[in-house]
Amino acid sequence: MEMLKYTVRPGNTLYAIAQFFGTTPQDIANANGLIPPYMIYPGQELILPVEDIRSPRYYVVRPGDTVINIADRYGLELENILALNNLENPNIIYPGQILRLTR
């Protein structure tokens, strides 16, 4: 099992985060010492216990992201992300930009 760090965004729920990353709300709660009613808040960092990191189809760029670290995070090829998004320079992305990661 792998442990990922995830920063909670506005509108996130423990259930939705668990579904997206292929784990359970209870496993996330246990990994982070959360007690019922399992309240989470934007900006909170959670540790996510996951079996297999699935690549999302799209990704919203966050501050500090680079195309290289996004590719590494999901085990994708840099060249594929660049081609899917018509990016000529991998160093020019901005927070809030939506990148396509897979077809």
N, C-alpha and C. Protein backbone atom coordinates (compact mmCIF):
# COMPACT_ATOMS: atom_id res chain seq x y z
N MET A 1 0.85 -1.18 0.00
CA MET A 1 0.00 0.00 0.00
C MET A 1 0.89 1.24 0.00
N GLU A 2 0.50 2.19 -0.77
CA GLU A 2 1.25 3.43 -0.89
C GLU A 2 0.51 4.54 -0.15
N MET A 3 1.26 5.50 0.38
CA MET A 3 0.65 6.64 1.08
C MET A 3 0.89 7.90 0.24
N LEU A 4 -0.19 8.60 -0.05
CA LEU A 4 -0.12 9.85 -0.80
C LEU A 4 -0.50 11.00 0.12
N LYS A 5 0.04 12.17 -0.16
CA LYS A 5 -0.40 13.39 0.51
C LYS A 5 -1.43 14.06 -0.39
N TYR A 6 -2.50 14.53 0.20
CA TYR A 6 -3.54 15.20 -0.57
C TYR A 6 -4.01 16.42 0.21
N THR A 7 -4.12 17.55 -0.47
CA THR A 7 -4.64 18.77 0.16
C THR A 7 -6.11 18.91 -0.19
N VAL A 8 -6.94 18.99 0.83
CA VAL A 8 -8.39 19.08 0.65
C VAL A 8 -8.73 20.40 -0.04
N ARG A 9 -9.62 20.31 -1.02
CA ARG A 9 -10.07 21.49 -1.77
C ARG A 9 -11.52 21.81 -1.38
N PRO A 10 -11.95 23.05 -1.60
CA PRO A 10 -13.34 23.39 -1.28
C PRO A 10 -14.30 22.43 -1.99
N GLY A 11 -15.29 21.94 -1.27
CA GLY A 11 -16.28 21.05 -1.85
C GLY A 11 -15.94 19.57 -1.73
N ASN A 12 -14.70 19.25 -1.36
CA ASN A 12 -14.32 17.84 -1.19
C ASN A 12 -15.05 17.22 -0.02
N THR A 13 -15.34 15.94 -0.16
CA THR A 13 -15.84 15.15 0.96
C THR A 13 -14.91 13.96 1.12
N LEU A 14 -14.89 13.38 2.28
CA LEU A 14 -14.06 12.21 2.52
C LEU A 14 -14.46 11.08 1.57
N TYR A 15 -15.76 10.93 1.37
CA TYR A 15 -16.26 9.89 0.48
C TYR A 15 -15.77 10.09 -0.96
N ALA A 16 -15.88 11.32 -1.48
CA ALA A 16 -15.47 11.60 -2.85
C ALA A 16 -13.96 11.42 -3.03
N ILE A 17 -13.17 11.86 -2.06
CA ILE A 17 -11.72 11.68 -2.12
C ILE A 17 -11.40 10.19 -2.16
N ALA A 18 -12.06 9.42 -1.30
CA ALA A 18 -11.82 7.98 -1.24
C ALA A 18 -12.17 7.31 -2.57
N GLN A 19 -13.29 7.67 -3.15
CA GLN A 19 -13.70 7.08 -4.43
C GLN A 19 -12.70 7.42 -5.53
N PHE A 20 -12.27 8.67 -5.58
CA PHE A 20 -11.35 9.10 -6.63
C PHE A 20 -10.03 8.33 -6.55
N PHE A 21 -9.54 8.11 -5.33
CA PHE A 21 -8.24 7.47 -5.17
C PHE A 21 -8.33 5.96 -4.93
N GLY A 22 -9.53 5.39 -5.00
CA GLY A 22 -9.69 3.96 -4.89
C GLY A 22 -9.40 3.40 -3.51
N THR A 23 -9.80 4.14 -2.48
CA THR A 23 -9.65 3.68 -1.11
C THR A 23 -10.99 3.85 -0.40
N THR A 24 -11.02 3.76 0.90
CA THR A 24 -12.29 3.92 1.62
C THR A 24 -12.21 5.12 2.57
N PRO A 25 -13.36 5.72 2.87
CA PRO A 25 -13.36 6.82 3.84
C PRO A 25 -12.79 6.37 5.20
N GLN A 26 -13.12 5.14 5.59
CA GLN A 26 -12.63 4.63 6.88
C GLN A 26 -11.11 4.50 6.89
N ASP A 27 -10.52 4.04 5.78
CA ASP A 27 -9.06 3.92 5.71
C ASP A 27 -8.39 5.30 5.79
N ILE A 28 -8.99 6.29 5.14
CA ILE A 28 -8.44 7.65 5.21
C ILE A 28 -8.58 8.18 6.64
N ALA A 29 -9.74 7.98 7.24
CA ALA A 29 -9.96 8.44 8.62
C ALA A 29 -8.95 7.80 9.56
N ASN A 30 -8.73 6.50 9.43
CA ASN A 30 -7.77 5.80 10.29
C ASN A 30 -6.35 6.31 10.09
N ALA A 31 -5.97 6.55 8.84
CA ALA A 31 -4.60 7.01 8.53
C ALA A 31 -4.33 8.41 9.06
N ASN A 32 -5.40 9.18 9.29
CA ASN A 32 -5.23 10.57 9.71
C ASN A 32 -5.75 10.85 11.12
N GLY A 33 -6.14 9.81 11.82
CA GLY A 33 -6.62 9.98 13.19
C GLY A 33 -7.90 10.78 13.28
N LEU A 34 -8.73 10.71 12.24
CA LEU A 34 -10.00 11.44 12.25
C LEU A 34 -11.02 10.68 13.08
N ILE A 35 -11.83 11.42 13.80
CA ILE A 35 -12.88 10.80 14.60
C ILE A 35 -14.24 11.25 14.07
N PRO A 36 -15.28 10.44 14.27
CA PRO A 36 -16.61 10.83 13.77
C PRO A 36 -16.97 12.22 14.29
N PRO A 37 -17.54 13.07 13.46
CA PRO A 37 -18.15 12.82 12.16
C PRO A 37 -17.20 13.01 10.97
N TYR A 38 -15.90 12.85 11.17
CA TYR A 38 -14.91 12.91 10.08
C TYR A 38 -14.96 14.21 9.29
N MET A 39 -14.92 15.32 10.01
CA MET A 39 -14.93 16.63 9.36
C MET A 39 -13.57 16.91 8.72
N ILE A 40 -13.60 17.39 7.49
CA ILE A 40 -12.38 17.83 6.80
C ILE A 40 -12.62 19.25 6.32
N TYR A 41 -11.55 19.98 6.02
CA TYR A 41 -11.70 21.37 5.64
C TYR A 41 -10.68 21.72 4.56
N PRO A 42 -10.99 22.71 3.70
CA PRO A 42 -10.07 23.11 2.64
C PRO A 42 -8.72 23.52 3.22
N GLY A 43 -7.67 23.05 2.56
CA GLY A 43 -6.31 23.34 2.99
C GLY A 43 -5.73 22.27 3.90
N GLN A 44 -6.57 21.42 4.45
CA GLN A 44 -6.10 20.34 5.31
C GLN A 44 -5.33 19.31 4.48
N GLU A 45 -4.20 18.87 5.01
CA GLU A 45 -3.43 17.83 4.33
C GLU A 45 -3.80 16.47 4.90
N LEU A 46 -4.14 15.55 4.02
CA LEU A 46 -4.49 14.20 4.42
C LEU A 46 -3.48 13.21 3.86
N ILE A 47 -3.27 12.14 4.57
CA ILE A 47 -2.51 11.01 4.07
C ILE A 47 -3.52 10.02 3.52
N LEU A 48 -3.34 9.58 2.27
CA LEU A 48 -4.27 8.66 1.65
C LEU A 48 -3.60 7.31 1.43
N PRO A 49 -4.11 6.27 2.07
CA PRO A 49 -3.58 4.93 1.82
C PRO A 49 -4.23 4.36 0.55
N VAL A 50 -3.44 4.16 -0.49
CA VAL A 50 -3.99 3.67 -1.75
C VAL A 50 -3.22 2.44 -2.23
N GLU A 51 -3.94 1.53 -2.86
CA GLU A 51 -3.34 0.33 -3.43
C GLU A 51 -2.69 0.64 -4.76
N ASP A 52 -3.39 1.39 -5.59
CA ASP A 52 -2.94 1.65 -6.95
C ASP A 52 -3.35 3.07 -7.31
N ILE A 53 -2.38 3.88 -7.70
CA ILE A 53 -2.69 5.26 -8.07
C ILE A 53 -3.26 5.26 -9.49
N ARG A 54 -4.51 5.67 -9.60
CA ARG A 54 -5.15 5.75 -10.91
C ARG A 54 -4.88 7.13 -11.50
N SER A 55 -4.66 7.16 -12.78
CA SER A 55 -4.46 8.43 -13.46
C SER A 55 -5.80 9.05 -13.79
N PRO A 56 -6.04 10.26 -13.31
CA PRO A 56 -7.29 10.91 -13.71
C PRO A 56 -7.20 11.32 -15.17
N ARG A 57 -8.33 11.54 -15.79
CA ARG A 57 -8.34 11.96 -17.18
C ARG A 57 -7.92 13.43 -17.31
N TYR A 58 -8.32 14.23 -16.34
CA TYR A 58 -7.96 15.65 -16.32
C TYR A 58 -7.34 15.99 -14.98
N TYR A 59 -6.57 17.07 -14.97
CA TYR A 59 -5.91 17.51 -13.74
C TYR A 59 -5.95 19.02 -13.70
N VAL A 60 -6.32 19.59 -12.55
CA VAL A 60 -6.30 21.05 -12.37
C VAL A 60 -4.98 21.41 -11.71
N VAL A 61 -4.20 22.22 -12.39
CA VAL A 61 -2.88 22.62 -11.92
C VAL A 61 -3.00 23.42 -10.64
N ARG A 62 -2.14 23.07 -9.67
CA ARG A 62 -2.09 23.78 -8.39
C ARG A 62 -0.77 24.56 -8.32
N PRO A 63 -0.71 25.56 -7.45
CA PRO A 63 0.55 26.31 -7.30
C PRO A 63 1.70 25.36 -6.98
N GLY A 64 2.81 25.54 -7.66
CA GLY A 64 4.00 24.71 -7.43
C GLY A 64 4.08 23.49 -8.33
N ASP A 65 2.99 23.18 -9.04
CA ASP A 65 3.01 22.03 -9.95
C ASP A 65 3.89 22.30 -11.16
N THR A 66 4.48 21.25 -11.67
CA THR A 66 5.16 21.29 -12.96
C THR A 66 4.63 20.10 -13.76
N VAL A 67 4.75 20.18 -15.07
CA VAL A 67 4.29 19.06 -15.90
C VAL A 67 5.09 17.81 -15.55
N ILE A 68 6.36 17.99 -15.24
CA ILE A 68 7.20 16.84 -14.90
C ILE A 68 6.72 16.17 -13.62
N ASN A 69 6.41 16.95 -12.56
CA ASN A 69 5.98 16.29 -11.32
C ASN A 69 4.58 15.71 -11.44
N ILE A 70 3.73 16.29 -12.28
CA ILE A 70 2.41 15.71 -12.53
C ILE A 70 2.57 14.36 -13.25
N ALA A 71 3.42 14.32 -14.26
CA ALA A 71 3.68 13.06 -14.98
C ALA A 71 4.23 12.01 -14.03
N ASP A 72 5.18 12.39 -13.21
CA ASP A 72 5.77 11.44 -12.25
C ASP A 72 4.73 10.94 -11.26
N ARG A 73 3.89 11.83 -10.76
CA ARG A 73 2.89 11.48 -9.75
C ARG A 73 1.97 10.37 -10.25
N TYR A 74 1.61 10.43 -11.55
CA TYR A 74 0.65 9.47 -12.08
C TYR A 74 1.30 8.42 -12.99
N GLY A 75 2.62 8.40 -13.06
CA GLY A 75 3.31 7.40 -13.86
C GLY A 75 3.06 7.56 -15.35
N LEU A 76 2.96 8.80 -15.81
CA LEU A 76 2.68 9.08 -17.20
C LEU A 76 3.92 9.62 -17.90
N GLU A 77 3.90 9.58 -19.23
CA GLU A 77 5.00 10.11 -20.02
C GLU A 77 4.82 11.62 -20.22
N LEU A 78 5.87 12.36 -19.95
CA LEU A 78 5.85 13.82 -20.12
C LEU A 78 5.42 14.20 -21.54
N GLU A 79 5.97 13.52 -22.52
CA GLU A 79 5.69 13.84 -23.92
C GLU A 79 4.20 13.68 -24.25
N ASN A 80 3.56 12.67 -23.65
CA ASN A 80 2.13 12.47 -23.91
C ASN A 80 1.29 13.62 -23.35
N ILE A 81 1.64 14.08 -22.15
CA ILE A 81 0.90 15.20 -21.56
C ILE A 81 1.10 16.46 -22.40
N LEU A 82 2.32 16.69 -22.84
CA LEU A 82 2.60 17.86 -23.67
C LEU A 82 1.80 17.81 -24.97
N ALA A 83 1.76 16.63 -25.61
CA ALA A 83 1.05 16.48 -26.87
C ALA A 83 -0.46 16.63 -26.69
N LEU A 84 -1.02 16.02 -25.63
CA LEU A 84 -2.46 16.10 -25.40
C LEU A 84 -2.94 17.52 -25.15
N ASN A 85 -2.04 18.38 -24.67
CA ASN A 85 -2.41 19.74 -24.30
C ASN A 85 -1.79 20.80 -25.20
N ASN A 86 -1.17 20.36 -26.28
CA ASN A 86 -0.52 21.28 -27.22
C ASN A 86 0.43 22.25 -26.52
N LEU A 87 1.19 21.72 -25.56
CA LEU A 87 2.15 22.54 -24.83
C LEU A 87 3.51 22.43 -25.49
N GLU A 88 4.08 23.56 -25.85
CA GLU A 88 5.40 23.56 -26.45
C GLU A 88 6.48 23.62 -25.38
N ASN A 89 6.18 24.33 -24.29
CA ASN A 89 7.16 24.51 -23.22
C ASN A 89 6.60 23.90 -21.94
N PRO A 90 7.23 22.82 -21.43
CA PRO A 90 6.71 22.18 -20.22
C PRO A 90 6.84 23.04 -18.97
N ASN A 91 7.55 24.14 -19.07
CA ASN A 91 7.75 25.01 -17.91
C ASN A 91 6.69 26.10 -17.79
N ILE A 92 5.77 26.16 -18.76
CA ILE A 92 4.77 27.22 -18.73
C ILE A 92 3.38 26.62 -18.53
N ILE A 93 2.98 26.48 -17.27
CA ILE A 93 1.62 26.13 -16.89
C ILE A 93 1.26 27.05 -15.72
N TYR A 94 -0.01 27.16 -15.41
CA TYR A 94 -0.42 28.09 -14.36
C TYR A 94 -1.51 27.47 -13.49
N PRO A 95 -1.57 27.88 -12.22
CA PRO A 95 -2.61 27.36 -11.33
C PRO A 95 -4.00 27.60 -11.90
N GLY A 96 -4.83 26.59 -11.81
CA GLY A 96 -6.19 26.66 -12.33
C GLY A 96 -6.32 26.12 -13.74
N GLN A 97 -5.20 25.99 -14.46
CA GLN A 97 -5.22 25.44 -15.80
C GLN A 97 -5.63 23.96 -15.73
N ILE A 98 -6.44 23.53 -16.66
CA ILE A 98 -6.88 22.14 -16.71
C ILE A 98 -6.06 21.43 -17.77
N LEU A 99 -5.35 20.38 -17.35
CA LEU A 99 -4.56 19.59 -18.28
C LEU A 99 -5.24 18.25 -18.52
N ARG A 100 -5.21 17.80 -19.73
CA ARG A 100 -5.69 16.45 -20.04
C ARG A 100 -4.51 15.51 -19.85
N LEU A 101 -4.73 14.43 -19.09
CA LEU A 101 -3.64 13.50 -18.81
C LEU A 101 -3.72 12.22 -19.61
N THR A 102 -4.94 11.79 -19.93
CA THR A 102 -5.11 10.57 -20.71
C THR A 102 -6.19 10.79 -21.76
N ARG A 103 -6.22 9.92 -22.73
CA ARG A 103 -7.24 10.03 -23.81
C ARG A 103 -8.58 9.56 -23.33
